[in-house]
N, C-alpha and C. Protein backbone atom coordinates (compact mmCIF):
# COMPACT_ATOMS: atom_id res chain seq x y z
N UNK A 1 84.36 34.46 234.33
CA UNK A 1 85.56 34.23 233.57
C UNK A 1 86.22 32.90 233.94
N UNK A 2 85.87 32.38 235.09
CA UNK A 2 86.40 31.07 235.49
C UNK A 2 85.94 30.01 234.50
N UNK A 3 84.73 30.15 233.99
CA UNK A 3 84.19 29.19 233.02
C UNK A 3 85.07 29.13 231.78
N UNK A 4 85.53 30.26 231.29
CA UNK A 4 86.40 30.28 230.10
C UNK A 4 87.69 29.50 230.35
N UNK A 5 88.20 29.59 231.57
CA UNK A 5 89.43 28.89 231.91
C UNK A 5 89.24 27.37 231.89
N UNK A 6 88.02 26.91 232.17
CA UNK A 6 87.75 25.47 232.23
C UNK A 6 87.57 24.84 230.85
N UNK A 7 87.31 25.65 229.84
CA UNK A 7 87.02 25.11 228.50
C UNK A 7 88.30 24.96 227.67
N UNK A 8 89.23 24.17 228.15
CA UNK A 8 90.46 23.92 227.40
C UNK A 8 90.22 22.77 226.43
N UNK A 9 90.44 23.05 225.14
CA UNK A 9 90.23 22.05 224.10
C UNK A 9 91.02 22.48 222.87
N UNK A 10 91.55 21.55 222.09
CA UNK A 10 92.35 21.91 220.92
C UNK A 10 91.59 22.76 219.89
N UNK A 11 90.25 22.67 219.87
CA UNK A 11 89.49 23.40 218.86
C UNK A 11 88.63 24.51 219.45
N UNK A 12 89.02 24.99 220.62
CA UNK A 12 88.39 26.16 221.25
C UNK A 12 89.49 27.18 221.50
N UNK A 13 89.24 28.43 221.12
CA UNK A 13 90.23 29.49 221.33
C UNK A 13 90.59 29.56 222.82
N UNK A 14 91.86 29.53 223.11
CA UNK A 14 92.33 29.51 224.48
C UNK A 14 92.15 30.84 225.19
N UNK A 15 91.73 30.77 226.44
CA UNK A 15 91.57 31.93 227.31
C UNK A 15 92.87 32.15 228.07
N UNK A 16 93.35 33.37 228.11
CA UNK A 16 94.60 33.68 228.81
C UNK A 16 94.37 34.47 230.10
N UNK A 17 93.63 35.58 230.01
CA UNK A 17 93.48 36.45 231.17
C UNK A 17 92.32 37.41 230.93
N UNK A 18 91.91 38.12 231.97
CA UNK A 18 90.94 39.19 231.81
C UNK A 18 91.15 40.23 232.91
N UNK A 19 90.65 41.43 232.66
CA UNK A 19 90.62 42.47 233.67
C UNK A 19 89.48 43.43 233.36
N UNK A 20 89.11 44.19 234.35
CA UNK A 20 88.00 45.13 234.21
C UNK A 20 88.48 46.52 234.59
N UNK A 21 88.11 47.48 233.77
CA UNK A 21 88.38 48.89 234.06
C UNK A 21 87.06 49.64 233.87
N UNK A 22 86.61 50.29 234.91
CA UNK A 22 85.32 50.99 234.89
C UNK A 22 84.24 50.03 234.44
N UNK A 23 83.59 50.32 233.31
CA UNK A 23 82.51 49.47 232.82
C UNK A 23 82.94 48.61 231.64
N UNK A 24 84.23 48.44 231.45
CA UNK A 24 84.76 47.67 230.32
C UNK A 24 85.44 46.41 230.84
N UNK A 25 85.19 45.30 230.16
CA UNK A 25 85.87 44.04 230.47
C UNK A 25 86.78 43.71 229.30
N UNK A 26 88.03 43.42 229.58
CA UNK A 26 89.01 43.07 228.57
C UNK A 26 89.37 41.60 228.74
N UNK A 27 89.29 40.85 227.64
CA UNK A 27 89.59 39.42 227.68
C UNK A 27 90.78 39.16 226.75
N UNK A 28 91.80 38.51 227.26
CA UNK A 28 92.97 38.15 226.46
C UNK A 28 92.80 36.70 226.03
N UNK A 29 92.74 36.49 224.72
CA UNK A 29 92.53 35.16 224.16
C UNK A 29 93.76 34.74 223.34
N UNK A 30 93.83 33.48 223.03
CA UNK A 30 94.88 32.93 222.18
C UNK A 30 94.85 33.62 220.81
N UNK A 31 96.02 33.89 220.25
CA UNK A 31 96.11 34.50 218.92
C UNK A 31 95.89 33.44 217.85
N UNK A 32 95.00 33.72 216.91
CA UNK A 32 94.72 32.79 215.81
C UNK A 32 95.24 33.42 214.52
N UNK A 33 96.40 32.98 214.12
CA UNK A 33 97.14 33.57 213.01
C UNK A 33 96.38 33.55 211.68
N UNK A 34 95.51 32.57 211.49
CA UNK A 34 94.81 32.43 210.21
C UNK A 34 93.59 33.31 210.05
N UNK A 35 93.25 34.13 211.06
CA UNK A 35 92.06 34.98 210.95
C UNK A 35 90.79 34.17 211.18
N UNK A 36 89.68 34.68 210.64
CA UNK A 36 88.41 33.98 210.81
C UNK A 36 87.83 33.54 209.47
N UNK A 37 86.95 32.57 209.52
CA UNK A 37 86.34 32.01 208.30
C UNK A 37 85.49 33.06 207.59
N UNK A 38 84.84 33.94 208.35
CA UNK A 38 84.03 35.00 207.75
C UNK A 38 84.84 35.88 206.81
N UNK A 39 86.05 36.23 207.21
CA UNK A 39 86.92 37.06 206.37
C UNK A 39 87.31 36.30 205.09
N UNK A 40 87.53 34.99 205.21
CA UNK A 40 87.85 34.19 204.02
C UNK A 40 86.69 34.21 203.04
N UNK A 41 85.48 34.06 203.58
CA UNK A 41 84.28 34.06 202.72
C UNK A 41 84.12 35.42 202.05
N UNK A 42 84.31 36.50 202.82
CA UNK A 42 84.20 37.84 202.26
C UNK A 42 85.20 38.10 201.15
N UNK A 43 86.40 37.52 201.26
CA UNK A 43 87.44 37.68 200.24
C UNK A 43 87.20 36.79 199.03
N UNK A 44 86.24 35.87 199.13
CA UNK A 44 85.95 34.96 198.02
C UNK A 44 86.95 33.82 197.90
N UNK A 45 87.61 33.49 199.00
CA UNK A 45 88.59 32.40 198.99
C UNK A 45 87.85 31.07 198.80
N UNK A 46 88.34 30.27 197.86
CA UNK A 46 87.77 28.95 197.62
C UNK A 46 88.27 27.98 198.68
N UNK A 47 87.33 27.35 199.38
CA UNK A 47 87.69 26.41 200.45
C UNK A 47 87.39 25.00 199.95
N UNK A 48 88.40 24.15 199.85
CA UNK A 48 88.16 22.79 199.34
C UNK A 48 87.19 22.01 200.24
N UNK A 49 86.40 21.14 199.63
CA UNK A 49 85.41 20.35 200.35
C UNK A 49 86.05 19.52 201.46
N UNK A 50 87.23 18.97 201.19
CA UNK A 50 87.92 18.15 202.20
C UNK A 50 88.23 19.00 203.44
N UNK A 51 88.67 20.24 203.25
CA UNK A 51 88.98 21.13 204.38
C UNK A 51 87.71 21.44 205.17
N UNK A 52 86.60 21.68 204.47
CA UNK A 52 85.33 21.96 205.15
C UNK A 52 84.89 20.77 205.99
N UNK A 53 85.07 19.55 205.48
CA UNK A 53 84.69 18.35 206.23
C UNK A 53 85.56 18.21 207.49
N UNK A 54 86.84 18.53 207.38
CA UNK A 54 87.72 18.49 208.55
C UNK A 54 87.25 19.51 209.58
N UNK A 55 86.92 20.73 209.12
CA UNK A 55 86.44 21.77 210.03
C UNK A 55 85.15 21.35 210.73
N UNK A 56 84.24 20.73 210.00
CA UNK A 56 82.97 20.29 210.61
C UNK A 56 83.25 19.28 211.74
N UNK A 57 84.18 18.36 211.51
CA UNK A 57 84.55 17.40 212.57
C UNK A 57 85.16 18.11 213.77
N UNK A 58 86.03 19.09 213.52
CA UNK A 58 86.65 19.84 214.61
C UNK A 58 85.62 20.64 215.40
N UNK A 59 84.68 21.26 214.69
CA UNK A 59 83.61 22.01 215.35
C UNK A 59 82.76 21.07 216.20
N UNK A 60 82.43 19.90 215.65
CA UNK A 60 81.61 18.94 216.39
C UNK A 60 82.32 18.49 217.67
N UNK A 61 83.63 18.25 217.60
CA UNK A 61 84.38 17.84 218.79
C UNK A 61 84.41 18.97 219.84
N UNK A 62 84.59 20.20 219.40
CA UNK A 62 84.61 21.33 220.33
C UNK A 62 83.24 21.53 220.98
N UNK A 63 82.18 21.44 220.18
CA UNK A 63 80.82 21.60 220.73
C UNK A 63 80.49 20.46 221.69
N UNK A 64 80.94 19.26 221.38
CA UNK A 64 80.72 18.13 222.28
C UNK A 64 81.38 18.41 223.64
N UNK A 65 82.60 18.93 223.60
CA UNK A 65 83.30 19.27 224.84
C UNK A 65 82.53 20.34 225.62
N UNK A 66 82.04 21.35 224.93
CA UNK A 66 81.26 22.39 225.60
C UNK A 66 80.00 21.82 226.23
N UNK A 67 79.28 21.01 225.46
CA UNK A 67 78.01 20.46 225.95
C UNK A 67 78.22 19.51 227.13
N UNK A 68 79.34 18.76 227.13
CA UNK A 68 79.65 17.90 228.28
C UNK A 68 79.83 18.73 229.55
N UNK A 69 80.25 19.98 229.38
CA UNK A 69 80.47 20.88 230.51
C UNK A 69 79.29 21.84 230.71
N UNK A 70 78.12 21.47 230.14
CA UNK A 70 76.89 22.26 230.27
C UNK A 70 77.04 23.69 229.78
N UNK A 71 77.76 23.87 228.68
CA UNK A 71 77.96 25.19 228.09
C UNK A 71 77.36 25.21 226.69
N UNK A 72 76.59 26.27 226.40
CA UNK A 72 76.07 26.51 225.06
C UNK A 72 76.80 27.69 224.45
N UNK A 73 77.03 27.66 223.15
CA UNK A 73 77.77 28.75 222.51
C UNK A 73 76.89 29.94 222.19
N UNK A 74 75.75 29.78 221.61
CA UNK A 74 74.77 30.82 221.29
C UNK A 74 75.07 31.66 220.06
N UNK A 75 76.25 31.58 219.48
CA UNK A 75 76.57 32.47 218.36
C UNK A 75 77.57 31.83 217.39
N UNK A 76 77.25 30.63 216.93
CA UNK A 76 78.12 29.97 215.95
C UNK A 76 77.88 30.63 214.60
N UNK A 77 78.92 31.22 214.04
CA UNK A 77 78.87 31.85 212.72
C UNK A 77 80.31 31.93 212.21
N UNK A 78 80.50 32.14 210.90
CA UNK A 78 81.86 32.15 210.35
C UNK A 78 82.80 33.14 211.04
N UNK A 79 82.29 34.28 211.49
CA UNK A 79 83.13 35.28 212.15
C UNK A 79 83.63 34.82 213.52
N UNK A 80 83.02 33.79 214.10
CA UNK A 80 83.45 33.25 215.39
C UNK A 80 84.20 31.92 215.24
N UNK A 81 84.55 31.58 214.02
CA UNK A 81 85.34 30.38 213.74
C UNK A 81 86.72 30.85 213.26
N UNK A 82 87.71 30.67 214.10
CA UNK A 82 89.05 31.18 213.82
C UNK A 82 89.96 30.06 213.34
N UNK A 83 91.06 30.43 212.70
CA UNK A 83 92.01 29.45 212.16
C UNK A 83 93.38 29.66 212.80
N UNK A 84 93.98 28.57 213.25
CA UNK A 84 95.34 28.68 213.77
C UNK A 84 96.33 28.61 212.61
N UNK A 85 97.60 28.55 212.91
CA UNK A 85 98.62 28.56 211.87
C UNK A 85 98.61 27.33 210.97
N UNK A 86 97.97 26.25 211.43
CA UNK A 86 97.87 25.03 210.62
C UNK A 86 96.50 24.89 209.96
N UNK A 87 95.69 25.95 209.99
CA UNK A 87 94.34 26.00 209.40
C UNK A 87 93.34 25.10 210.11
N UNK A 88 93.59 24.79 211.38
CA UNK A 88 92.59 24.09 212.19
C UNK A 88 91.61 25.12 212.73
N UNK A 89 90.36 24.71 212.88
CA UNK A 89 89.32 25.59 213.42
C UNK A 89 89.48 25.75 214.92
N UNK A 90 89.22 26.94 215.41
CA UNK A 90 89.16 27.23 216.84
C UNK A 90 87.89 28.06 217.05
N UNK A 91 86.97 27.57 217.85
CA UNK A 91 85.73 28.30 218.10
C UNK A 91 85.99 29.40 219.12
N UNK A 92 85.59 30.62 218.77
CA UNK A 92 85.66 31.73 219.71
C UNK A 92 84.54 31.60 220.73
N UNK A 93 84.83 31.82 222.01
CA UNK A 93 83.86 31.49 223.06
C UNK A 93 83.45 32.68 223.92
N UNK A 94 83.37 33.87 223.35
CA UNK A 94 82.99 35.02 224.16
C UNK A 94 81.52 35.00 224.52
N UNK A 95 80.66 34.62 223.58
CA UNK A 95 79.23 34.61 223.92
C UNK A 95 78.76 33.18 224.18
N UNK A 96 78.97 32.76 225.42
CA UNK A 96 78.56 31.43 225.84
C UNK A 96 77.63 31.55 227.03
N UNK A 97 76.91 30.48 227.32
CA UNK A 97 76.03 30.47 228.48
C UNK A 97 76.20 29.15 229.20
N UNK A 98 76.27 29.20 230.51
CA UNK A 98 76.42 28.01 231.33
C UNK A 98 75.04 27.56 231.77
N UNK A 99 74.72 26.29 231.53
CA UNK A 99 73.42 25.77 231.91
C UNK A 99 73.50 25.06 233.24
N UNK A 100 72.61 25.41 234.12
CA UNK A 100 72.50 24.71 235.39
C UNK A 100 71.31 23.76 235.26
N UNK A 101 71.58 22.48 235.33
CA UNK A 101 70.53 21.47 235.15
C UNK A 101 70.15 20.90 236.52
N UNK A 102 68.89 20.98 236.84
CA UNK A 102 68.39 20.47 238.14
C UNK A 102 67.78 19.11 237.98
């Protein structure tokens, strides 16, 4: 969980806290008021091309930050792309892997 704390970036969902009870791990993350992109697609919401291009740039910047810190996401999909109150993308980072490079 220390790794989640290190990945602070404007386009990555913020990590707040975690705790474990029995065999369950609970992770408290930043609230993303806009929901996820998967839900928008399911509802048939039309997303303007300009907005999609902005999101692609935001995703690229977030992934660059992760890769600089030797972190791979492993599960990029619309359901893991969240929107804040200003409709900026925030990548959810629950399924990530830390790479140790020798």
